[in-house]
Amino acid sequence: MSYQQLTGAQKHQIESYLKADFSQTRPAKALGVSKSTVSRELHRNEKRRSYNATYVITASKERRK
C-alpha cells in the first residue's frame, strides 16, 4: 500500500463538508479515503478552532521545509 498525501482540493472539500456540519465519514467517502485519514488531517491541524483549508495548505508547506 502506498502513501498519498491529500491534495489542496481535497482539503478544501473537507472544509466544505465540515462547514455543512457533516461527520468525518461523509467527506472520507466522497474523497475515497479512509475516515481515519480525515481524522488524522483534522487532528494534525487542530491548532485553530475551525478547519481552514487555506491555512492548512500553507502550514503543511512550512512543515515540509
Protein backbone atom coordinates (compact mmCIF):
# COMPACT_ATOMS: atom_id res chain seq x y z
CA MET A 1 0.00 0.00 0.00
CA SER A 2 1.48 3.36 -0.99
CA TYR A 3 1.01 6.53 0.97
CA GLN A 4 -0.51 9.54 -0.77
CA GLN A 5 -0.98 12.98 0.73
CA LEU A 6 -4.26 14.79 0.48
CA THR A 7 -4.27 17.41 -2.25
CA GLY A 8 -5.22 21.02 -1.74
CA ALA A 9 -8.54 20.41 -3.50
CA GLN A 10 -9.29 17.51 -1.15
CA LYS A 11 -8.53 19.72 1.87
CA HIS A 12 -10.95 22.33 0.54
CA GLN A 13 -13.60 19.62 0.13
CA ILE A 14 -13.08 18.51 3.74
CA GLU A 15 -13.53 22.11 4.85
CA SER A 16 -16.78 22.40 2.85
CA TYR A 17 -18.21 19.21 4.35
CA LEU A 18 -17.32 20.29 7.87
CA LYS A 19 -18.89 23.72 7.36
CA ALA A 20 -22.04 21.93 6.18
CA ASP A 21 -21.94 20.11 9.56
CA PHE A 22 -21.28 16.61 8.21
CA SER A 23 -19.37 13.99 10.18
CA GLN A 24 -15.87 12.85 9.19
CA THR A 25 -17.32 9.83 7.41
CA ARG A 26 -19.09 11.83 4.68
CA PRO A 27 -16.01 13.63 3.27
CA ALA A 28 -13.99 10.41 3.56
CA LYS A 29 -16.47 8.54 1.37
CA ALA A 30 -16.66 11.42 -1.12
CA LEU A 31 -12.86 11.60 -1.39
CA GLY A 32 -12.37 7.85 -1.49
CA VAL A 33 -10.13 7.79 1.56
CA SER A 34 -10.41 6.19 4.98
CA LYS A 35 -12.21 8.16 7.67
CA SER A 36 -9.06 7.78 9.75
CA THR A 37 -7.25 9.81 7.07
CA VAL A 38 -9.72 12.64 7.57
CA SER A 39 -9.45 12.24 11.34
CA ARG A 40 -5.64 12.47 11.21
CA GLU A 41 -5.86 15.52 8.96
CA LEU A 42 -8.15 17.27 11.41
CA HIS A 43 -6.07 16.26 14.43
CA ARG A 44 -2.85 17.39 12.78
CA ASN A 45 -4.34 20.81 12.12
CA GLU A 46 -6.40 21.35 15.25
CA LYS A 47 -4.42 24.36 16.44
CA ARG A 48 -7.21 26.51 15.07
CA ARG A 49 -10.78 26.13 16.26
CA SER A 50 -12.17 25.52 12.80
CA TYR A 51 -10.59 23.74 9.86
CA ASN A 52 -9.35 26.30 7.32
CA ALA A 53 -8.01 24.65 4.17
CA THR A 54 -6.00 27.68 3.03
CA TYR A 55 -4.22 27.88 6.39
CA VAL A 56 -3.69 24.10 6.43
CA ILE A 57 -2.09 24.07 2.97
CA THR A 58 0.29 26.86 3.95
CA ALA A 59 1.15 25.16 7.25
CA SER A 60 1.83 21.82 5.54
CA LYS A 61 4.22 23.51 3.10
CA GLU A 62 6.06 25.05 6.06
CA ARG A 63 6.30 21.69 7.84
CA ARG A 64 7.86 20.13 4.73
CA LYS A 65 10.71 22.65 4.74
